[in-house]
Structures are given as structure tokens and as C-alpha cells.
Amino acid sequence: MPGISMSLDLPDSGATETLGQALARTLPGVADHGAVVYLKGELGSGKTTCVRSLLRALGVAGLVRSPTYTLVESYTAGPWTCVHVDLYRLRSLREVDELGLRDTLGPNCLLLVEWPERAAGSLPGADIDLTLMYAGDGRQSHLNAASPFGTKWLEDLGRDSSLRSYVSNLT
């Protein structure tokens, strides 16, 4: 049942990378549909760092670029097609629709969307809604499950031993 949430204290970029790696490790297998992660937070809060780490942990070996200017970057990682999107520069819903993101989501597709709030309902629904915030010299992360798939993913993430020292709340 959707509704599980998790908060983590991330004291440095290494901890943000650990979160990305743990998300990759605990990603449930997908057969009939894809998975969607919304990444929210201020500029420089670690969204791309987290995604880059997740993609590396899934097996992406080449350059992992920020899609700030290209808007969309796609990668293949084993059976996964990973689509990393940055909507920060978009100014209208029409521009979001022109990206065709709903068409990218299929079996074994992982859609990672930075700045989803700029799409105002023009995106597939999230399985996990991840927010990164400044917290002193570090960051704080809140993850919320938004689907049964997301709930399974966060349950598994909560059991990942690499995150134990960072978890401040799991409900």
C-alpha cells in the first residue's frame, strides 16, 4: 500500500552517492511496466549526483551527463533503459508534451525526472518521490512511496545496510 516514507541525513556528497547506489541495488524487477522517480530540490541539492550514482550502480559505464541543457539523456544498463530528464528550463506544458516522456515508459524502463513540478500532471505518476534539501553543510532527503511498486522499493531500501547510519525516520 502506498504511503511509506523515509528520511535520511546525508552529511556529504558521498552519502548522496550511497543513496543512489542503494536505490539501484533495491530496485525491484519490472516486467510489465516501468518505474518512475521524481527528484525535487533546489539547484545544487544533489539530484544529479544521486541519479549519476544510481546509473553507475546499474552498470552505466560511459559518461553520465546532466540533462540540464539536453533535457533528456538515455542510457542502457543491462535489461534497463534509463531515461534521465531535467525539466528546469522548460517554460510550458506543451514543451513537456513534446518530449514524449509518456511514450518512453515501458517494460524495464526507469524514468528519472528532475524538476517534475514544472510538468504539472503531464508526466507518468511517480513510484518514488525523492526530495533533497540543504541541511547545514550536508543534505536531508525525504522519499515517499507513491505506488505499490514504490512501497516495495522503499521497504527494500529501508533494509539496505549501507543506509542504516543515514536513516533518521522510516514510517
C-alpha atoms as a PDB file:
ATOM      1  CA  MET A   1       0.000   0.000   0.000  1.00  0.00           C
ATOM      2  CA  PRO A   2       1.448   3.434  -0.891  1.00  0.00           C
ATOM      3  CA  GLY A   3       2.302   5.729   1.938  1.00  0.00           C
ATOM      4  CA  ILE A   4       5.627   4.516   3.334  1.00  0.00           C
ATOM      5  CA  SER A   5       8.217   7.261   3.689  1.00  0.00           C
ATOM      6  CA  MET A   6      11.840   7.570   4.670  1.00  0.00           C
ATOM      7  CA  SER A   7      14.071  10.450   5.736  1.00  0.00           C
ATOM      8  CA  LEU A   8      17.856  10.385   5.564  1.00  0.00           C
ATOM      9  CA  ASP A   9      20.546  12.732   6.805  1.00  0.00           C
ATOM     10  CA  LEU A  10      23.197  12.982   4.090  1.00  0.00           C
ATOM     11  CA  PRO A  11      26.261  14.748   5.512  1.00  0.00           C
ATOM     12  CA  ASP A  12      28.216  14.906   2.232  1.00  0.00           C
ATOM     13  CA  SER A  13      28.113  14.042  -1.475  1.00  0.00           C
ATOM     14  CA  GLY A  14      29.418  10.556  -0.677  1.00  0.00           C
ATOM     15  CA  ALA A  15      26.270   9.883   1.340  1.00  0.00           C
ATOM     16  CA  THR A  16      24.137  11.139  -1.580  1.00  0.00           C
ATOM     17  CA  GLU A  17      26.031   8.736  -3.846  1.00  0.00           C
ATOM     18  CA  THR A  18      25.398   5.935  -1.352  1.00  0.00           C
ATOM     19  CA  LEU A  19      21.669   6.691  -1.593  1.00  0.00           C
ATOM     20  CA  GLY A  20      21.822   6.424  -5.403  1.00  0.00           C
ATOM     21  CA  GLN A  21      23.696   3.115  -5.198  1.00  0.00           C
ATOM     22  CA  ALA A  22      21.186   1.738  -2.691  1.00  0.00           C
ATOM     23  CA  LEU A  23      18.273   2.783  -4.921  1.00  0.00           C
ATOM     24  CA  ALA A  24      19.868   0.806  -7.758  1.00  0.00           C
ATOM     25  CA  ARG A  25      20.533  -2.252  -5.575  1.00  0.00           C
ATOM     26  CA  THR A  26      16.988  -2.359  -4.240  1.00  0.00           C
ATOM     27  CA  LEU A  27      15.145  -1.560  -7.484  1.00  0.00           C
ATOM     28  CA  PRO A  28      12.545  -4.325  -7.793  1.00  0.00           C
ATOM     29  CA  GLY A  29      12.456  -6.218 -11.060  1.00  0.00           C
ATOM     30  CA  VAL A  30       9.966  -4.771 -13.526  1.00  0.00           C
ATOM     31  CA  ALA A  31       8.243  -6.864 -16.168  1.00  0.00           C
ATOM     32  CA  ASP A  32       5.060  -5.249 -17.459  1.00  0.00           C
ATOM     33  CA  HIS A  33       5.670  -1.583 -16.670  1.00  0.00           C
ATOM     34  CA  GLY A  34       8.467   0.820 -15.942  1.00  0.00           C
ATOM     35  CA  ALA A  35       9.451   2.703 -12.825  1.00  0.00           C
ATOM     36  CA  VAL A  36       9.328   6.452 -12.240  1.00  0.00           C
ATOM     37  CA  VAL A  37      11.305   8.527  -9.729  1.00  0.00           C
ATOM     38  CA  TYR A  38      10.624  12.230  -9.248  1.00  0.00           C
ATOM     39  CA  LEU A  39      13.614  14.183  -7.916  1.00  0.00           C
ATOM     40  CA  LYS A  40      12.887  17.521  -6.285  1.00  0.00           C
ATOM     41  CA  GLY A  41      15.075  20.097  -4.597  1.00  0.00           C
ATOM     42  CA  GLU A  42      16.858  23.383  -5.045  1.00  0.00           C
ATOM     43  CA  LEU A  43      19.643  23.875  -7.571  1.00  0.00           C
ATOM     44  CA  GLY A  44      22.750  22.066  -6.368  1.00  0.00           C
ATOM     45  CA  SER A  45      20.951  19.958  -3.785  1.00  0.00           C
ATOM     46  CA  GLY A  46      22.255  16.659  -5.189  1.00  0.00           C
ATOM     47  CA  LYS A  47      19.588  15.428  -7.621  1.00  0.00           C
ATOM     48  CA  THR A  48      22.017  14.748 -10.472  1.00  0.00           C
ATOM     49  CA  THR A  49      24.632  13.328  -8.074  1.00  0.00           C
ATOM     50  CA  CYS A  50      22.071  10.824  -6.818  1.00  0.00           C
ATOM     51  CA  VAL A  51      20.972   9.881 -10.356  1.00  0.00           C
ATOM     52  CA  ARG A  52      24.554   9.550 -11.610  1.00  0.00           C
ATOM     53  CA  SER A  53      25.367   7.195  -8.731  1.00  0.00           C
ATOM     54  CA  LEU A  54      22.201   5.168  -9.347  1.00  0.00           C
ATOM     55  CA  LEU A  55      23.028   4.812 -13.057  1.00  0.00           C
ATOM     56  CA  ARG A  56      26.635   3.802 -12.324  1.00  0.00           C
ATOM     57  CA  ALA A  57      25.402   1.173  -9.852  1.00  0.00           C
ATOM     58  CA  LEU A  58      23.049  -0.204 -12.515  1.00  0.00           C
ATOM     59  CA  GLY A  59      26.036  -0.633 -14.819  1.00  0.00           C
ATOM     60  CA  VAL A  60      26.229   2.512 -16.962  1.00  0.00           C
ATOM     61  CA  ALA A  61      29.949   2.753 -17.748  1.00  0.00           C
ATOM     62  CA  GLY A  62      30.181   5.744 -20.083  1.00  0.00           C
ATOM     63  CA  LEU A  63      29.814   9.436 -19.412  1.00  0.00           C
ATOM     64  CA  VAL A  64      26.707  10.268 -17.366  1.00  0.00           C
ATOM     65  CA  ARG A  65      25.767  13.836 -18.249  1.00  0.00           C
ATOM     66  CA  SER A  66      23.414  16.193 -16.528  1.00  0.00           C
ATOM     67  CA  PRO A  67      20.446  16.755 -18.857  1.00  0.00           C
ATOM     68  CA  THR A  68      20.170  20.427 -17.871  1.00  0.00           C
ATOM     69  CA  TYR A  69      20.719  21.596 -21.462  1.00  0.00           C
ATOM     70  CA  THR A  70      19.883  18.484 -23.483  1.00  0.00           C
ATOM     71  CA  LEU A  71      16.710  17.937 -21.375  1.00  0.00           C
ATOM     72  CA  VAL A  72      16.778  14.151 -21.878  1.00  0.00           C
ATOM     73  CA  GLU A  73      19.633  11.623 -21.654  1.00  0.00           C
ATOM     74  CA  SER A  74      19.064   7.898 -22.212  1.00  0.00           C
ATOM     75  CA  TYR A  75      21.237   5.002 -21.097  1.00  0.00           C
ATOM     76  CA  THR A  76      21.165   1.227 -21.325  1.00  0.00           C
ATOM     77  CA  ALA A  77      22.105  -0.699 -18.193  1.00  0.00           C
ATOM     78  CA  GLY A  78      21.676  -4.443 -18.636  1.00  0.00           C
ATOM     79  CA  PRO A  79      17.955  -5.016 -19.216  1.00  0.00           C
ATOM     80  CA  TRP A  80      17.141  -1.419 -18.191  1.00  0.00           C
ATOM     81  CA  THR A  81      16.526   1.578 -20.380  1.00  0.00           C
ATOM     82  CA  CYS A  82      17.163   4.561 -18.128  1.00  0.00           C
ATOM     83  CA  VAL A  83      15.818   7.967 -19.142  1.00  0.00           C
ATOM     84  CA  HIS A  84      17.124  10.940 -17.138  1.00  0.00           C
ATOM     85  CA  VAL A  85      15.146  14.143 -17.629  1.00  0.00           C
ATOM     86  CA  ASP A  86      15.700  17.681 -16.344  1.00  0.00           C
ATOM     87  CA  LEU A  87      12.647  19.939 -16.756  1.00  0.00           C
ATOM     88  CA  TYR A  88      14.168  23.015 -15.097  1.00  0.00           C
ATOM     89  CA  ARG A  89      14.463  25.057 -18.311  1.00  0.00           C
ATOM     90  CA  LEU A  90      11.004  24.226 -19.702  1.00  0.00           C
ATOM     91  CA  ARG A  91       8.502  27.058 -19.757  1.00  0.00           C
ATOM     92  CA  SER A  92       5.247  25.412 -20.854  1.00  0.00           C
ATOM     93  CA  LEU A  93       3.318  22.160 -20.628  1.00  0.00           C
ATOM     94  CA  ARG A  94       3.464  21.969 -24.413  1.00  0.00           C
ATOM     95  CA  GLU A  95       7.257  21.678 -24.187  1.00  0.00           C
ATOM     96  CA  VAL A  96       6.863  18.816 -21.707  1.00  0.00           C
ATOM     97  CA  ASP A  97       4.390  17.038 -24.005  1.00  0.00           C
ATOM     98  CA  GLU A  98       6.792  17.444 -26.940  1.00  0.00           C
ATOM     99  CA  LEU A  99       9.408  15.425 -25.049  1.00  0.00           C
ATOM    100  CA  GLY A 100       7.112  12.362 -25.327  1.00  0.00           C
ATOM    101  CA  LEU A 101       8.006  11.066 -21.878  1.00  0.00           C
ATOM    102  CA  ARG A 102       4.808   9.048 -21.509  1.00  0.00           C
ATOM    103  CA  ASP A 103       5.884   7.088 -24.587  1.00  0.00           C
ATOM    104  CA  THR A 104       9.249   6.171 -23.072  1.00  0.00           C
ATOM    105  CA  LEU A 105       7.815   4.281 -20.133  1.00  0.00           C
ATOM    106  CA  GLY A 106       7.582   0.586 -20.872  1.00  0.00           C
ATOM    107  CA  PRO A 107       8.888  -2.716 -19.556  1.00  0.00           C
ATOM    108  CA  ASN A 108      12.245  -2.337 -17.811  1.00  0.00           C
ATOM    109  CA  CYS A 109      12.333   1.437 -18.289  1.00  0.00           C
ATOM    110  CA  LEU A 110      13.443   3.644 -15.435  1.00  0.00           C
ATOM    111  CA  LEU A 111      12.335   7.264 -15.812  1.00  0.00           C
ATOM    112  CA  LEU A 112      14.235   9.691 -13.547  1.00  0.00           C
ATOM    113  CA  VAL A 113      12.716  13.186 -13.611  1.00  0.00           C
ATOM    114  CA  GLU A 114      14.346  16.261 -12.099  1.00  0.00           C
ATOM    115  CA  TRP A 115      12.021  19.248 -11.523  1.00  0.00           C
ATOM    116  CA  PRO A 116       8.773  17.257 -12.100  1.00  0.00           C
ATOM    117  CA  GLU A 117       6.721  20.108 -10.621  1.00  0.00           C
ATOM    118  CA  ARG A 118       7.332  22.001 -13.886  1.00  0.00           C
ATOM    119  CA  ALA A 119       5.268  19.390 -15.729  1.00  0.00           C
ATOM    120  CA  ALA A 120       2.038  19.878 -13.727  1.00  0.00           C
ATOM    121  CA  GLY A 121       0.440  16.497 -14.401  1.00  0.00           C
ATOM    122  CA  SER A 122       1.941  15.868 -17.862  1.00  0.00           C
ATOM    123  CA  LEU A 123       4.142  13.036 -16.590  1.00  0.00           C
ATOM    124  CA  PRO A 124       3.521   9.427 -15.685  1.00  0.00           C
ATOM    125  CA  GLY A 125       2.890   9.126 -11.959  1.00  0.00           C
ATOM    126  CA  ALA A 126       5.855   8.612  -9.662  1.00  0.00           C
ATOM    127  CA  ASP A 127       6.614   5.395  -7.852  1.00  0.00           C
ATOM    128  CA  ILE A 128       9.030   7.269  -5.581  1.00  0.00           C
ATOM    129  CA  ASP A 129       9.005  10.972  -4.869  1.00  0.00           C
ATOM    130  CA  LEU A 130      12.503  11.969  -3.664  1.00  0.00           C
ATOM    131  CA  THR A 131      13.238  15.429  -2.268  1.00  0.00           C
ATOM    132  CA  LEU A 132      16.739  16.670  -1.420  1.00  0.00           C
ATOM    133  CA  MET A 133      17.178  19.737   0.802  1.00  0.00           C
ATOM    134  CA  TYR A 134      20.087  21.680   2.200  1.00  0.00           C
ATOM    135  CA  ALA A 135      20.759  20.922   5.869  1.00  0.00           C
ATOM    136  CA  GLY A 136      23.742  22.886   7.137  1.00  0.00           C
ATOM    137  CA  ASP A 137      26.811  21.674   5.233  1.00  0.00           C
ATOM    138  CA  GLY A 138      25.012  18.493   4.174  1.00  0.00           C
ATOM    139  CA  ARG A 139      21.650  17.471   2.787  1.00  0.00           C
ATOM    140  CA  GLN A 140      18.484  15.848   4.003  1.00  0.00           C
ATOM    141  CA  SER A 141      16.479  13.518   1.808  1.00  0.00           C
ATOM    142  CA  HIS A 142      12.814  12.567   2.039  1.00  0.00           C
ATOM    143  CA  LEU A 143      11.498   9.666  -0.019  1.00  0.00           C
ATOM    144  CA  ASN A 144       7.793   8.887  -0.309  1.00  0.00           C
ATOM    145  CA  ALA A 145       6.228   5.882  -1.969  1.00  0.00           C
ATOM    146  CA  ALA A 146       3.520   6.908  -4.402  1.00  0.00           C
ATOM    147  CA  SER A 147       2.514   3.455  -5.700  1.00  0.00           C
ATOM    148  CA  PRO A 148       2.558  -0.187  -4.578  1.00  0.00           C
ATOM    149  CA  PHE A 149       5.758  -0.634  -6.608  1.00  0.00           C
ATOM    150  CA  GLY A 150       7.284   2.368  -4.815  1.00  0.00           C
ATOM    151  CA  THR A 151       6.241   0.943  -1.459  1.00  0.00           C
ATOM    152  CA  LYS A 152       8.057  -2.330  -2.204  1.00  0.00           C
ATOM    153  CA  TRP A 153      11.094  -0.379  -3.353  1.00  0.00           C
ATOM    154  CA  LEU A 154      11.211   1.781  -0.197  1.00  0.00           C
ATOM    155  CA  GLU A 155      10.676  -1.236   2.058  1.00  0.00           C
ATOM    156  CA  ASP A 156      13.705  -2.892   0.452  1.00  0.00           C
ATOM    157  CA  LEU A 157      15.649   0.381   0.619  1.00  0.00           C
ATOM    158  CA  GLY A 158      14.900   0.615   4.345  1.00  0.00           C
ATOM    159  CA  ARG A 159      16.561  -2.768   4.829  1.00  0.00           C
ATOM    160  CA  ASP A 160      19.698  -1.812   2.867  1.00  0.00           C
ATOM    161  CA  SER A 161      22.605  -1.910   5.325  1.00  0.00           C
ATOM    162  CA  SER A 162      24.582   0.834   3.528  1.00  0.00           C
ATOM    163  CA  LEU A 163      21.924   3.400   4.542  1.00  0.00           C
ATOM    164  CA  ARG A 164      21.443   2.436   8.188  1.00  0.00           C
ATOM    165  CA  SER A 165      23.620   5.222   9.563  1.00  0.00           C
ATOM    166  CA  TYR A 166      21.792   7.847   7.454  1.00  0.00           C
ATOM    167  CA  VAL A 167      18.149   6.918   8.151  1.00  0.00           C
ATOM    168  CA  SER A 168      16.531   9.396  10.510  1.00  0.00           C
ATOM    169  CA  ASN A 169      12.928   8.251  10.014  1.00  0.00           C
ATOM    170  CA  LEU A 170      11.104   5.357   8.334  1.00  0.00           C
ATOM    171  CA  THR A 171       7.306   5.204   8.509  1.00  0.00           C
END
